[in-house]
C-alpha cells in the first residue's frame, strides 16, 4: 500500500481589485487545499497445493484499489455586489434599518442553498428565502461602484471521495510470456460530484443553487484480455 498527501496554502497578490488601483491586492485562503491519494494491491493465495480445478479459477488473483479525495475548489464571489462576510453594513427598506452583512458561509448548507444567497438589491429590498430579512450577505451595487470583494468566498465545492478498483490475473505460458485477464472499475461506487452553485444574484432560479448535473465520470467498467511477452 502506498499513498501521498498534499497540503497547500494559497497566498495570491497578482491582481488589482479595480482598474485604477495602484497596488496589488493580496488574497489568502484561510483553509488549506488538501489532496489525498491512497493505492494498494492485495494478492490472493495461489492455492498451489490444491487441484487444478481450484488453483486455476481461484488462485493467483490480485486486487488493486485507488482512493482519490480532495476538499474542492473555492467558489467565486458574485459579481457587482458589495462586501459580505461581516465586513460592512447597509441601510435598506423604508425604516432605514442598519444591517450587518453576514458571512455567506453556512454551517449546514444544501444543494438548494449552498451559501447564504440573501442580498440587498439596488432598490434597497432584501431578496431571497424567507429567512433573509435579518441576514443578507451581499449588497448589489450600481455600475462603476468600486469593487471591495476578493475573488472567492470562504466556501468550497462539495467533492466526494472516488474509488477505483481492478481485478486481474496472469496465466503463465512460457518463461516471461503470459496471458492476462483484467477487469477495471473506475468510480466503482458510481459517486456523483456536482459543480459550483450559481453566483449571479439576479438569476433567482440558480443563484446559490447547485445544478444536479454530474460533473465527473459515472462508473466505467473495462474488461481486458491480453498477451504479455
Protein backbone atom coordinates (compact mmCIF):
# COMPACT_ATOMS: atom_id res chain seq x y z
CA UNK A 1 0.00 0.00 0.00
CA UNK A 2 1.22 3.50 -0.82
CA UNK A 3 -0.16 6.99 -0.59
CA UNK A 4 0.56 10.67 -0.95
CA UNK A 5 -0.85 13.69 0.81
CA UNK A 6 -0.62 17.30 -0.37
CA UNK A 7 -1.28 20.25 1.90
CA UNK A 8 -1.11 23.69 0.26
CA UNK A 9 -1.89 27.25 1.33
CA UNK A 10 -2.88 29.80 -1.29
CA UNK A 11 -1.41 33.28 -0.98
CA UNK A 12 -2.04 35.41 -4.05
CA UNK A 13 -1.18 39.01 -4.87
CA UNK A 14 -1.22 39.21 -8.66
CA UNK A 15 -4.39 41.18 -9.36
CA UNK A 16 -5.94 44.61 -8.78
CA UNK A 17 -9.35 44.96 -7.13
CA UNK A 18 -10.17 47.83 -9.50
CA UNK A 19 -8.59 49.09 -12.74
CA UNK A 20 -7.43 52.33 -11.13
CA UNK A 21 -5.83 50.63 -8.10
CA UNK A 22 -2.14 51.44 -7.63
CA UNK A 23 -1.20 48.38 -5.60
CA UNK A 24 -1.89 44.68 -5.90
CA UNK A 25 -4.49 43.10 -3.64
CA UNK A 26 -3.33 40.18 -1.52
CA UNK A 27 -5.64 37.21 -1.12
CA UNK A 28 -5.01 34.44 1.38
CA UNK A 29 -7.11 31.30 1.70
CA UNK A 30 -7.67 30.59 5.40
CA UNK A 31 -8.26 26.91 4.65
CA UNK A 32 -5.64 24.57 3.18
CA UNK A 33 -6.02 22.82 -0.14
CA UNK A 34 -5.89 19.11 0.64
CA UNK A 35 -5.31 16.26 -1.80
CA UNK A 36 -5.07 12.60 -0.76
CA UNK A 37 -4.33 9.55 -2.89
CA UNK A 38 -4.07 6.05 -1.43
CA UNK A 39 -3.47 2.97 -3.57
CA UNK A 40 -2.53 -0.61 -2.94
CA UNK A 41 -2.63 -4.18 -4.23
CA UNK A 42 -3.71 -7.37 -2.46
CA UNK A 43 -2.56 -10.73 -3.86
CA UNK A 44 -4.86 -13.64 -3.15
CA UNK A 45 -3.36 -17.07 -2.36
CA UNK A 46 -2.27 -19.15 -5.35
CA UNK A 47 -3.54 -22.46 -3.89
CA UNK A 48 -0.51 -24.33 -5.22
CA UNK A 49 -1.31 -27.35 -3.08
CA UNK A 50 -4.84 -27.58 -4.46
CA UNK A 51 -6.11 -29.32 -7.56
CA UNK A 52 -6.11 -27.55 -10.95
CA UNK A 53 -9.89 -27.12 -10.72
CA UNK A 54 -9.36 -24.93 -7.64
CA UNK A 55 -5.96 -23.42 -8.43
CA UNK A 56 -6.71 -22.07 -11.91
CA UNK A 57 -10.06 -20.29 -11.40
CA UNK A 58 -9.47 -19.11 -7.82
CA UNK A 59 -5.76 -18.79 -7.17
CA UNK A 60 -3.33 -16.02 -8.08
CA UNK A 61 -5.75 -13.12 -8.49
CA UNK A 62 -4.73 -9.59 -7.49
CA UNK A 63 -7.00 -6.74 -6.41
CA UNK A 64 -5.77 -3.18 -6.91
CA UNK A 65 -7.56 -0.20 -5.37
CA UNK A 66 -7.21 3.59 -5.54
CA UNK A 67 -8.78 6.25 -3.29
CA UNK A 68 -8.85 9.84 -4.60
CA UNK A 69 -10.00 12.61 -2.27
CA UNK A 70 -9.69 16.40 -2.09
CA UNK A 71 -11.61 19.19 -0.44
CA UNK A 72 -12.91 21.05 -3.50
CA UNK A 73 -12.26 24.43 -5.09
CA UNK A 74 -13.24 27.80 -3.65
CA UNK A 75 -16.43 29.31 -5.06
CA UNK A 76 -16.28 32.68 -6.77
CA UNK A 77 -17.92 35.67 -5.13
CA UNK A 78 -20.87 37.14 -7.05
CA UNK A 79 -20.17 40.00 -9.40
CA UNK A 80 -21.43 43.57 -8.93
CA UNK A 81 -22.07 43.19 -5.20
CA UNK A 82 -20.65 44.88 -2.14
CA UNK A 83 -18.86 43.46 0.87
CA UNK A 84 -20.07 40.30 2.53
CA UNK A 85 -18.51 38.17 5.22
CA UNK A 86 -19.42 40.52 8.06
CA UNK A 87 -17.13 43.32 6.80
CA UNK A 88 -19.69 46.05 6.22
CA UNK A 89 -23.21 47.28 6.77
CA UNK A 90 -26.04 48.80 4.81
CA UNK A 91 -29.28 50.69 5.16
CA UNK A 92 -32.31 49.33 3.39
CA UNK A 93 -36.11 49.38 3.44
CA UNK A 94 -38.50 52.11 4.49
CA UNK A 95 -37.34 52.00 8.12
CA UNK A 96 -33.69 52.55 7.09
CA UNK A 97 -32.57 49.78 9.41
CA UNK A 98 -28.82 49.25 9.71
CA UNK A 99 -27.87 45.68 8.87
CA UNK A 100 -24.50 43.99 9.22
CA UNK A 101 -23.78 41.94 6.13
CA UNK A 102 -23.21 38.32 7.05
CA UNK A 103 -20.66 35.72 6.03
CA UNK A 104 -22.03 33.74 3.06
CA UNK A 105 -20.73 30.52 4.58
CA UNK A 106 -23.47 28.40 6.17
CA UNK A 107 -22.98 25.80 8.89
CA UNK A 108 -25.46 23.42 7.24
CA UNK A 109 -25.69 24.09 3.52
CA UNK A 110 -27.66 22.10 0.99
CA UNK A 111 -27.56 21.85 -2.79
CA UNK A 112 -30.69 24.01 -2.82
CA UNK A 113 -28.95 26.75 -0.80
CA UNK A 114 -25.21 26.20 -0.89
CA UNK A 115 -24.29 29.56 0.60
CA UNK A 116 -26.14 32.47 2.13
CA UNK A 117 -27.70 33.85 -1.05
CA UNK A 118 -29.65 36.63 0.64
CA UNK A 119 -28.75 40.04 -0.75
CA UNK A 120 -29.94 43.63 -0.83
CA UNK A 121 -30.84 44.73 -4.34
CA UNK A 122 -30.29 48.19 -5.81
CA UNK A 123 -33.75 49.30 -4.64
CA UNK A 124 -32.81 48.52 -1.03
CA UNK A 125 -35.01 45.42 -0.75
CA UNK A 126 -33.78 42.16 0.76
CA UNK A 127 -34.11 39.37 -1.79
CA UNK A 128 -34.00 35.64 -1.11
CA UNK A 129 -35.64 32.98 1.10
CA UNK A 130 -37.98 33.92 3.92
CA UNK A 131 -35.10 33.79 6.44
CA UNK A 132 -33.29 36.63 4.65
CA UNK A 133 -34.78 39.67 6.37
CA UNK A 134 -32.10 39.96 9.05
CA UNK A 135 -29.08 38.27 7.49
CA UNK A 136 -28.23 39.36 3.94
CA UNK A 137 -24.68 38.51 2.87
CA UNK A 138 -24.25 40.86 -0.08
CA UNK A 139 -25.45 44.20 -1.36
CA UNK A 140 -25.96 44.74 -5.07
CA UNK A 141 -24.05 47.78 -6.30
CA UNK A 142 -24.55 50.30 -9.08
CA UNK A 143 -22.44 50.45 -12.22
CA UNK A 144 -18.95 51.96 -11.71
CA UNK A 145 -19.03 51.25 -7.97
CA UNK A 146 -15.58 50.29 -6.68
CA UNK A 147 -15.13 46.58 -6.03
CA UNK A 148 -14.46 45.65 -2.39
CA UNK A 149 -14.65 41.86 -2.60
CA UNK A 150 -11.92 39.30 -3.06
CA UNK A 151 -12.47 36.82 -5.92
CA UNK A 152 -13.56 33.94 -3.68
CA UNK A 153 -15.96 33.15 -0.85
CA UNK A 154 -14.91 31.17 2.18
CA UNK A 155 -16.99 28.31 0.71
CA UNK A 156 -15.78 25.26 -1.19
CA UNK A 157 -17.38 22.89 -3.63
CA UNK A 158 -18.64 19.64 -2.15
CA UNK A 159 -16.50 16.83 -3.50
CA UNK A 160 -16.96 13.19 -2.53
CA UNK A 161 -14.06 10.70 -2.49
CA UNK A 162 -13.83 8.41 -5.50
CA UNK A 163 -12.73 4.77 -5.59
CA UNK A 164 -11.24 2.78 -8.47
CA UNK A 165 -10.61 -0.97 -8.47
CA UNK A 166 -9.08 -3.53 -10.78
CA UNK A 167 -9.10 -7.32 -10.51
CA UNK A 168 -6.60 -9.24 -12.64
CA UNK A 169 -4.70 -12.47 -13.04
CA UNK A 170 -1.78 -13.65 -15.17
CA UNK A 171 -1.61 -17.16 -16.56
CA UNK A 172 1.99 -18.22 -17.32
CA UNK A 173 2.62 -19.62 -20.80
CA UNK A 174 6.39 -19.82 -21.29
CA UNK A 175 9.18 -18.08 -19.36
CA UNK A 176 8.25 -14.35 -19.46
CA UNK A 177 5.20 -14.89 -21.67
CA UNK A 178 1.80 -14.86 -20.02
CA UNK A 179 -1.87 -14.31 -20.73
CA UNK A 180 -3.62 -11.71 -18.57
CA UNK A 181 -7.27 -11.01 -17.93
CA UNK A 182 -8.27 -7.83 -16.15
CA UNK A 183 -11.42 -6.06 -15.04
CA UNK A 184 -11.18 -2.36 -14.19
CA UNK A 185 -13.84 -0.32 -12.38
CA UNK A 186 -13.45 3.45 -12.38
CA UNK A 187 -15.62 5.34 -9.87
CA UNK A 188 -16.66 1.90 -8.70
CA UNK A 189 -19.47 3.11 -6.42
CA UNK A 190 -20.86 5.49 -9.07
CA UNK A 191 -20.46 8.51 -6.77
CA UNK A 192 -21.64 11.78 -8.38
CA UNK A 193 -19.88 15.09 -7.89
CA UNK A 194 -21.72 18.21 -8.95
CA UNK A 195 -20.42 21.63 -9.97
CA UNK A 196 -20.43 25.03 -8.25
CA UNK A 197 -23.61 26.92 -7.37
CA UNK A 198 -24.77 29.84 -9.47
CA UNK A 199 -23.31 33.19 -8.39
CA UNK A 200 -25.48 35.67 -10.34
CA UNK A 201 -27.84 37.40 -7.84
CA UNK A 202 -30.43 38.35 -10.46
CA UNK A 203 -30.84 34.72 -11.58
CA UNK A 204 -33.32 33.50 -8.98
CA UNK A 205 -33.51 30.00 -10.44
CA UNK A 206 -29.79 29.29 -9.99
CA UNK A 207 -28.33 31.79 -7.51
CA UNK A 208 -26.83 29.83 -4.62
CA UNK A 209 -28.20 26.60 -6.10
CA UNK A 210 -26.13 23.66 -7.32
CA UNK A 211 -27.48 22.22 -10.55
CA UNK A 212 -27.78 18.47 -10.07
CA UNK A 213 -25.78 17.61 -13.16
CA UNK A 214 -22.93 15.17 -12.61
CA UNK A 215 -19.56 16.72 -13.47
CA UNK A 216 -17.34 13.68 -13.03
CA UNK A 217 -17.42 10.43 -14.98
CA UNK A 218 -20.02 7.87 -13.88
CA UNK A 219 -18.99 4.30 -13.18
CA UNK A 220 -16.92 2.92 -16.05
CA UNK A 221 -16.12 -0.77 -16.44
CA UNK A 222 -13.36 -2.02 -18.73
CA UNK A 223 -12.63 -5.68 -19.42
CA UNK A 224 -9.28 -6.58 -20.94
CA UNK A 225 -7.58 -9.75 -22.16
CA UNK A 226 -4.02 -9.57 -23.48
CA UNK A 227 -0.78 -11.43 -24.08
CA UNK A 228 2.36 -10.14 -22.33
CA UNK A 229 5.72 -11.07 -23.82
